Amino acid sequence: MNVQVRGAKSAEGAQRLGVIDCDIHPVMRSPGDLKKYLSPKWHDHLDTYGSFHRQPFVQGDIYPRAAPYLSRRDAMPPNGGPPGSDLEFMRAQLLDLHNIEVGVLQVLGGGTHQRNIDYGAAICSAINNWQVAEWISHDERLRGSISITQEYPEAAVAEIRKHGPDKRFVQIGMNQRSLEPAGRRRYWPIYEAAVEFDLSLGIHTGGYNGHAPVPGGGWPSYYAEQHHLINVCQQNVLSSMVMEGVFEQFPTLRVVLVEGGFTWAPALTWRLDKLWKKLRSEVPRLTRPPSDYIRQHIWFTTQPVDDMGSPERLREICDLVGWDRLCFSSDYPHWDFDDPRYAFTFRLSESEKLAIFNRNARQAYNLQ
């Protein structure tokens, strides 16, 4: 696949670049697939009591999605399974078509949303075993994310210790909408384990904490409104981790903010720096401006790339965020999928393409 952008004159002669896609969503063919990876105890629990998420509805989402399965219309596999459930179809529609060199799997939902944290931990363990058995063992391009229930740090750390030595897992999958702000010390054992096994934290958009609407100002009226608020939640995550001193405590920790966009980052950084200058006595753990920690520890996946009104405005934002901080993500197979050929509306230089589509992700995930 020739990585090009709108504005390029021709695909001929363009550098063929292996793409690292940081956000691919695999899905089980049916709920019954999970049972193969659950112990008899939790298999029986699922049959008897079902699943209870931290939200008003038992399983369904509060906001109906914009498309069936949240996915592209053309993403239904020929075998009749849901989008993202067929590896062969994923190869044809994404991995081969777009010359994906490495694809990072992001498994949504699962155990992290469960009210019963023991059951949630069992689901996370089952999902990790499912990733090994049905995905990363069958295509060397794929990398896994260790699914954890972050509200049960002891179980989360045990799961990280189980799969951390497997280099096919490149990150720990966390949810942006946690019970407490992400910088709080209840989550520090997870961050310590990430550093121990040299794994990134992949903090993905989505979920509900069960206590308050997102982001806390009342329930939005529309899915379009709720979908926008994922950016606000990512700002909350980033602010908390910086101001609570997470990166002072764990100076080698790497964090990838997934599917929250990136155009909001410069304004947040300016605001945090301004407040730190005036109120730094309140956060004595911080020895540097917040912008320093963000520049050192945080990467942003590109999807969804916002429409800034003109290509040059988007380029200016990329300049401000930093060309070494942006990692391409497609969000396959979802409806707002970003095609690597057209995600950016201005012409990228060869060095910029190399950074966004490959090199930055290698650094963020320490890919060899």
Protein backbone atom coordinates (compact mmCIF):
# COMPACT_ATOMS: atom_id res chain seq x y z
CA MET A 1 0.00 0.00 0.00
CA ASN A 2 1.35 3.39 -0.96
CA VAL A 3 0.76 5.72 1.96
CA GLN A 4 -0.39 8.95 0.36
CA VAL A 5 -2.61 11.84 1.27
CA ARG A 6 -4.98 14.17 -0.50
CA GLY A 7 -3.05 16.69 -2.46
CA ALA A 8 -0.42 14.25 -3.70
CA LYS A 9 -0.15 14.27 -7.49
CA SER A 10 0.20 10.56 -8.03
CA ALA A 11 0.63 7.29 -6.22
CA GLU A 12 3.37 6.32 -8.69
CA GLY A 13 6.83 6.47 -7.22
CA ALA A 14 5.59 7.09 -3.68
CA GLN A 15 7.57 5.36 -0.98
CA ARG A 16 6.03 2.04 -0.03
CA LEU A 17 5.86 2.18 3.75
CA GLY A 18 4.90 -0.54 6.18
CA VAL A 19 2.16 0.91 8.37
CA ILE A 20 1.83 0.35 12.11
CA ASP A 21 -1.86 0.52 12.97
CA CYS A 22 -2.34 1.19 16.70
CA ASP A 23 -6.09 0.53 16.93
CA ILE A 24 -7.63 -2.63 15.49
CA HIS A 25 -10.70 -4.13 17.13
CA PRO A 26 -11.05 -7.92 17.06
CA VAL A 27 -14.44 -9.33 18.05
CA MET A 28 -15.65 -12.76 19.09
CA ARG A 29 -17.93 -14.51 16.61
CA SER A 30 -20.54 -15.07 19.31
CA PRO A 31 -20.85 -14.65 23.09
CA GLY A 32 -20.43 -18.39 23.38
CA ASP A 33 -16.83 -18.10 22.18
CA LEU A 34 -15.88 -16.59 25.53
CA LYS A 35 -16.97 -19.72 27.36
CA LYS A 36 -14.21 -21.77 25.78
CA TYR A 37 -11.71 -19.68 27.75
CA LEU A 38 -13.59 -19.41 31.06
CA SER A 39 -13.13 -21.89 33.89
CA PRO A 40 -16.19 -24.06 34.71
CA LYS A 41 -16.88 -21.86 37.74
CA TRP A 42 -17.24 -18.69 35.69
CA HIS A 43 -18.87 -20.51 32.82
CA ASP A 44 -21.64 -21.51 35.23
CA HIS A 45 -21.74 -17.98 36.66
CA LEU A 46 -22.31 -16.54 33.20
CA ASP A 47 -25.11 -19.00 32.47
CA THR A 48 -26.79 -18.40 35.83
CA TYR A 49 -26.38 -14.69 36.45
CA GLY A 50 -25.34 -13.16 33.17
CA SER A 51 -23.28 -9.99 32.80
CA PHE A 52 -23.81 -6.72 34.68
CA HIS A 53 -21.99 -3.63 33.48
CA ARG A 54 -21.45 -0.41 35.43
CA GLN A 55 -24.24 1.43 33.63
CA PRO A 56 -28.08 1.55 33.72
CA PHE A 57 -28.52 -1.22 31.14
CA VAL A 58 -27.32 -4.76 31.70
CA GLN A 59 -25.36 -5.15 28.48
CA GLY A 60 -26.55 -2.76 25.79
CA ASP A 61 -24.94 0.63 25.36
CA ILE A 62 -26.70 3.71 26.67
CA TYR A 63 -26.39 5.43 23.29
CA PRO A 64 -27.41 3.47 20.17
CA ARG A 65 -24.52 3.49 17.75
CA ALA A 66 -24.49 5.13 14.35
CA ALA A 67 -24.14 1.80 12.54
CA PRO A 68 -24.73 -1.89 13.28
CA TYR A 69 -21.87 -3.25 15.38
CA LEU A 70 -20.46 0.30 15.34
CA SER A 71 -18.86 -0.70 12.03
CA ARG A 72 -18.43 0.07 8.37
CA ARG A 73 -21.17 -1.28 6.16
CA ASP A 74 -18.67 -3.27 4.12
CA ALA A 75 -17.01 -4.86 7.17
CA MET A 76 -19.41 -7.81 7.52
CA PRO A 77 -17.35 -10.98 6.88
CA PRO A 78 -18.60 -13.44 4.25
CA ASN A 79 -18.97 -16.11 6.94
CA GLY A 80 -21.75 -14.11 8.59
CA GLY A 81 -19.91 -13.23 11.78
CA PRO A 82 -19.79 -9.70 13.16
CA PRO A 83 -17.24 -7.19 11.83
CA GLY A 84 -13.78 -7.83 13.22
CA SER A 85 -14.41 -11.52 13.92
CA ASP A 86 -12.80 -13.07 10.83
CA LEU A 87 -9.00 -12.93 10.56
CA GLU A 88 -8.95 -13.88 6.87
CA PHE A 89 -11.36 -11.08 6.02
CA MET A 90 -9.36 -8.67 8.19
CA ARG A 91 -6.25 -9.63 6.26
CA ALA A 92 -7.92 -8.87 2.94
CA GLN A 93 -9.69 -5.69 4.01
CA LEU A 94 -7.02 -4.15 6.24
CA LEU A 95 -3.69 -5.90 6.83
CA ASP A 96 -2.84 -6.78 3.21
CA LEU A 97 -4.68 -3.96 1.47
CA HIS A 98 -3.01 -1.24 3.52
CA ASN A 99 0.39 -2.92 3.98
CA ILE A 100 0.04 -3.15 7.75
CA GLU A 101 3.42 -4.14 9.14
CA VAL A 102 2.22 -4.28 12.76
CA GLY A 103 -1.37 -4.16 13.98
CA VAL A 104 -2.10 -3.55 17.67
CA LEU A 105 -5.29 -5.25 18.85
CA GLN A 106 -7.59 -3.29 21.13
CA VAL A 107 -10.30 -5.52 22.63
CA LEU A 108 -13.28 -3.44 23.73
CA GLY A 109 -15.57 -4.08 26.67
CA GLY A 110 -14.85 -7.34 28.37
CA GLY A 111 -14.18 -7.53 32.06
CA THR A 112 -13.16 -3.98 32.84
CA HIS A 113 -16.80 -2.83 32.89
CA GLN A 114 -18.14 -5.58 35.14
CA ARG A 115 -19.68 -4.72 38.50
CA ASN A 116 -18.51 -8.09 39.84
CA ILE A 117 -14.76 -7.52 39.76
CA ASP A 118 -13.89 -11.19 40.27
CA TYR A 119 -15.97 -12.13 37.26
CA GLY A 120 -14.46 -9.16 35.41
CA ALA A 121 -10.96 -10.44 36.12
CA ALA A 122 -11.95 -13.89 34.81
CA ILE A 123 -13.27 -12.35 31.61
CA CYS A 124 -10.06 -10.36 31.12
CA SER A 125 -8.03 -13.53 31.54
CA ALA A 126 -10.25 -15.33 29.02
CA ILE A 127 -9.89 -12.48 26.52
CA ASN A 128 -6.11 -12.58 26.78
CA ASN A 129 -6.06 -16.33 26.19
CA TRP A 130 -8.44 -15.81 23.24
CA GLN A 131 -6.09 -13.24 21.72
CA VAL A 132 -3.23 -15.72 21.91
CA ALA A 133 -5.17 -18.71 20.61
CA GLU A 134 -7.12 -17.07 17.79
CA TRP A 135 -5.23 -13.95 16.73
CA ILE A 136 -1.60 -13.30 17.54
CA SER A 137 -0.63 -16.95 17.04
CA HIS A 138 -2.03 -16.90 13.51
CA ASP A 139 -0.56 -13.72 12.05
CA GLU A 140 2.89 -12.47 13.01
CA ARG A 141 1.86 -8.90 12.22
CA LEU A 142 -0.60 -8.75 15.10
CA ARG A 143 0.25 -7.66 18.64
CA GLY A 144 -1.97 -8.04 21.69
CA SER A 145 -3.07 -5.74 24.47
CA ILE A 146 -3.28 -7.27 27.94
CA SER A 147 -6.88 -6.88 29.04
CA ILE A 148 -7.23 -6.03 32.74
CA THR A 149 -9.89 -4.87 35.14
CA GLN A 150 -8.19 -1.78 36.48
CA GLU A 151 -10.55 -1.51 39.46
CA TYR A 152 -9.01 -4.73 40.81
CA PRO A 153 -5.28 -3.92 40.69
CA GLU A 154 -4.17 -7.16 42.33
CA ALA A 155 -5.83 -9.23 39.62
CA ALA A 156 -4.62 -6.81 36.96
CA VAL A 157 -1.01 -7.18 38.08
CA ALA A 158 -1.34 -10.97 38.12
CA GLU A 159 -2.58 -10.88 34.53
CA ILE A 160 0.28 -8.59 33.51
CA ARG A 161 2.78 -10.97 35.11
CA LYS A 162 1.22 -13.87 33.23
CA HIS A 163 1.41 -12.30 29.76
CA GLY A 164 4.06 -9.61 30.20
CA PRO A 165 6.97 -11.87 29.22
CA ASP A 166 5.21 -12.68 25.90
CA LYS A 167 6.61 -10.09 23.49
CA ARG A 168 3.56 -10.47 21.29
CA PHE A 169 1.78 -8.32 23.87
CA VAL A 170 2.96 -4.71 23.58
CA GLN A 171 0.69 -2.83 25.94
CA ILE A 172 -1.70 -2.98 28.87
CA GLY A 173 -5.23 -2.09 27.81
CA MET A 174 -6.95 0.36 30.14
CA ASN A 175 -10.20 2.29 30.01
CA GLN A 176 -10.39 6.07 30.18
CA ARG A 177 -13.51 6.12 32.37
CA SER A 178 -12.26 4.65 35.60
CA LEU A 179 -13.85 4.83 39.03
CA GLU A 180 -11.27 7.38 40.16
CA PRO A 181 -9.03 9.74 38.18
CA ALA A 182 -6.29 7.81 36.39
CA GLY A 183 -3.48 9.37 38.41
CA ARG A 184 -4.74 8.12 41.77
CA ARG A 185 -2.51 5.75 43.68
CA ARG A 186 -4.93 2.83 43.58
CA TYR A 187 -3.78 2.37 39.95
CA TRP A 188 -0.04 2.72 40.63
CA PRO A 189 0.58 -1.04 41.01
CA ILE A 190 -0.56 -1.38 37.38
CA TYR A 191 1.85 1.35 36.28
CA GLU A 192 4.65 -0.29 38.27
CA ALA A 193 3.99 -3.58 36.48
CA ALA A 194 3.98 -1.81 33.12
CA VAL A 195 7.45 -0.45 33.84
CA GLU A 196 8.67 -3.83 35.10
CA PHE A 197 7.71 -5.57 31.86
CA ASP A 198 8.49 -2.60 29.61
CA LEU A 199 4.89 -2.41 28.42
CA SER A 200 3.05 0.71 27.32
CA LEU A 201 -0.28 1.73 28.77
CA GLY A 202 -2.88 1.92 26.03
CA ILE A 203 -5.72 4.05 27.41
CA HIS A 204 -8.64 3.62 25.04
CA THR A 205 -11.76 5.69 24.79
CA GLY A 206 -15.07 4.35 26.05
CA GLY A 207 -16.83 2.74 28.95
CA TYR A 208 -18.78 4.01 31.93
CA ASN A 209 -17.68 4.28 35.52
CA GLY A 210 -21.19 3.64 36.85
CA HIS A 211 -21.29 6.71 39.07
CA ALA A 212 -21.76 9.73 36.84
CA PRO A 213 -22.57 10.74 33.29
CA VAL A 214 -19.71 11.49 30.97
CA PRO A 215 -17.98 13.78 31.64
CA GLY A 216 -20.03 14.60 34.74
CA GLY A 217 -22.30 17.42 33.60
CA GLY A 218 -25.44 15.39 32.93
CA TRP A 219 -26.43 12.81 30.32
CA PRO A 220 -25.97 14.12 26.75
CA SER A 221 -29.03 14.04 24.53
CA TYR A 222 -27.41 12.54 21.45
CA TYR A 223 -24.85 9.96 20.41
CA ALA A 224 -23.02 12.64 18.41
CA GLU A 225 -22.68 14.67 21.60
CA GLN A 226 -21.56 11.69 23.65
CA HIS A 227 -19.07 10.65 20.97
CA HIS A 228 -17.41 14.08 21.13
CA LEU A 229 -16.93 13.80 24.90
CA ILE A 230 -14.32 11.08 24.50
CA ASN A 231 -11.86 13.92 23.89
CA VAL A 232 -12.82 15.54 27.19
CA CYS A 233 -12.31 12.25 29.03
CA GLN A 234 -8.86 11.82 27.55
CA GLN A 235 -7.99 15.30 28.79
CA ASN A 236 -9.10 14.25 32.27
CA VAL A 237 -6.89 11.16 32.11
CA LEU A 238 -3.86 13.11 30.96
CA SER A 239 -4.30 15.93 33.47
CA SER A 240 -4.69 13.53 36.38
CA MET A 241 -1.68 11.42 35.52
CA VAL A 242 0.54 14.49 35.17
CA MET A 243 -0.66 16.43 38.20
CA GLU A 244 -0.75 13.41 40.54
CA GLY A 245 2.93 12.83 39.85
CA VAL A 246 2.66 9.50 38.02
CA PHE A 247 5.56 10.33 35.72
CA GLU A 248 7.77 11.47 38.56
CA GLN A 249 7.14 8.14 40.26
CA PHE A 250 7.56 6.12 37.05
CA PRO A 251 10.02 8.06 34.87
CA THR A 252 10.15 5.42 32.12
CA LEU A 253 6.38 4.87 31.81
CA ARG A 254 4.99 5.18 28.27
CA VAL A 255 1.32 6.06 27.69
CA VAL A 256 -0.59 5.89 24.39
CA LEU A 257 -3.93 7.69 24.33
CA VAL A 258 -6.02 5.73 21.84
CA GLU A 259 -8.96 6.92 19.74
CA GLY A 260 -9.31 10.28 21.44
CA GLY A 261 -7.86 12.40 18.66
CA PHE A 262 -5.05 14.86 19.27
CA THR A 263 -6.07 18.36 18.16
CA TRP A 264 -7.09 19.26 21.73
CA ALA A 265 -3.64 18.52 23.18
CA PRO A 266 -1.86 21.88 22.61
CA ALA A 267 -4.55 23.95 24.35
CA LEU A 268 -4.62 21.59 27.33
CA THR A 269 -0.84 21.71 27.59
CA TRP A 270 -0.81 25.52 27.57
CA ARG A 271 -3.47 25.66 30.27
CA LEU A 272 -1.73 23.14 32.52
CA ASP A 273 1.58 24.99 32.21
CA LYS A 274 -0.07 28.28 33.11
CA LEU A 275 -1.77 26.81 36.17
CA TRP A 276 1.41 25.04 37.27
CA LYS A 277 3.34 28.31 37.24
CA LYS A 278 0.77 29.94 39.54
CA LEU A 279 -0.08 26.94 41.74
CA ARG A 280 3.05 24.80 41.71
CA SER A 281 3.25 24.82 45.50
CA GLU A 282 0.13 22.64 45.53
CA VAL A 283 1.86 19.93 43.47
CA PRO A 284 5.44 19.88 44.80
CA ARG A 285 6.09 16.45 43.29
CA LEU A 286 6.20 18.08 39.86
CA THR A 287 9.73 19.26 39.22
CA ARG A 288 9.03 20.37 35.66
CA PRO A 289 6.18 22.02 33.72
CA PRO A 290 3.36 19.65 32.71
CA SER A 291 4.30 20.10 29.07
CA ASP A 292 7.66 18.41 29.75
CA TYR A 293 6.00 15.26 31.07
CA ILE A 294 3.53 15.20 28.19
CA ARG A 295 6.30 15.54 25.62
CA GLN A 296 8.31 12.75 27.23
CA HIS A 297 5.67 10.18 28.18
CA ILE A 298 2.57 10.61 25.99
CA TRP A 299 1.79 9.50 22.44
CA PHE A 300 -1.50 10.17 20.67
CA THR A 301 -3.10 7.93 18.08
CA THR A 302 -4.42 9.90 15.16
CA GLN A 303 -7.96 8.60 14.78
CA PRO A 304 -10.25 10.46 14.53
CA VAL A 305 -8.37 13.12 12.57
CA ASP A 306 -10.41 16.29 12.98
CA ASP A 307 -11.45 18.58 10.14
CA MET A 308 -9.75 21.86 10.98
CA GLY A 309 -11.39 23.79 8.14
CA SER A 310 -8.20 23.94 6.10
CA PRO A 311 -5.27 21.54 5.61
CA GLU A 312 -2.75 24.07 6.86
CA ARG A 313 -4.54 24.47 10.18
CA LEU A 314 -4.27 20.74 10.72
CA ARG A 315 -0.56 20.90 9.87
CA GLU A 316 -0.12 23.67 12.47
CA ILE A 317 -1.71 21.46 15.11
CA CYS A 318 0.63 18.59 14.19
CA ASP A 319 3.56 21.00 14.57
CA LEU A 320 2.34 21.96 18.05
CA VAL A 321 1.69 18.40 19.22
CA GLY A 322 5.01 17.21 17.80
CA TRP A 323 5.64 15.02 14.79
CA ASP A 324 7.27 12.47 17.08
CA ARG A 325 4.13 12.11 19.25
CA LEU A 326 1.57 11.00 16.64
CA CYS A 327 0.91 7.33 15.83
CA PHE A 328 -1.43 6.25 13.05
CA SER A 329 -4.58 4.36 13.98
CA SER A 330 -7.41 3.20 11.74
CA ASP A 331 -10.05 2.12 14.28
CA TYR A 332 -10.90 -0.81 12.01
CA PRO A 333 -13.64 -1.96 11.47
CA HIS A 334 -15.64 0.92 12.95
CA TRP A 335 -17.78 3.39 11.02
CA ASP A 336 -15.34 6.27 11.50
CA PHE A 337 -12.42 4.21 10.17
CA ASP A 338 -9.47 6.29 8.96
CA ASP A 339 -7.88 5.10 5.72
CA PRO A 340 -4.11 5.68 5.93
CA ARG A 341 -4.12 7.02 2.36
CA TYR A 342 -6.59 9.79 3.09
CA ALA A 343 -6.51 10.46 6.83
CA PHE A 344 -4.49 13.64 6.44
CA THR A 345 -5.76 16.39 4.16
CA PHE A 346 -2.36 17.92 3.44
CA ARG A 347 0.72 16.55 1.75
CA LEU A 348 3.08 14.82 4.16
CA SER A 349 6.80 14.83 3.59
CA GLU A 350 8.56 11.47 3.49
CA SER A 351 10.00 12.06 6.96
CA GLU A 352 6.57 12.99 8.34
CA LYS A 353 5.01 9.87 6.84
CA LEU A 354 7.76 7.71 8.29
CA ALA A 355 7.21 9.24 11.74
CA ILE A 356 3.41 9.00 11.88
CA PHE A 357 2.89 5.69 10.10
CA ASN A 358 5.80 3.75 11.56
CA ARG A 359 8.64 5.19 13.62
CA ASN A 360 6.66 6.82 16.43
CA ALA A 361 4.72 3.66 17.19
CA ARG A 362 7.97 1.71 17.29
CA GLN A 363 9.15 4.00 20.04
CA ALA A 364 5.82 4.11 21.90
CA TYR A 365 5.53 0.30 21.95
CA ASN A 366 9.26 -0.43 21.96
CA LEU A 367 8.86 -2.59 18.87
CA GLN A 368 12.01 -4.36 17.73
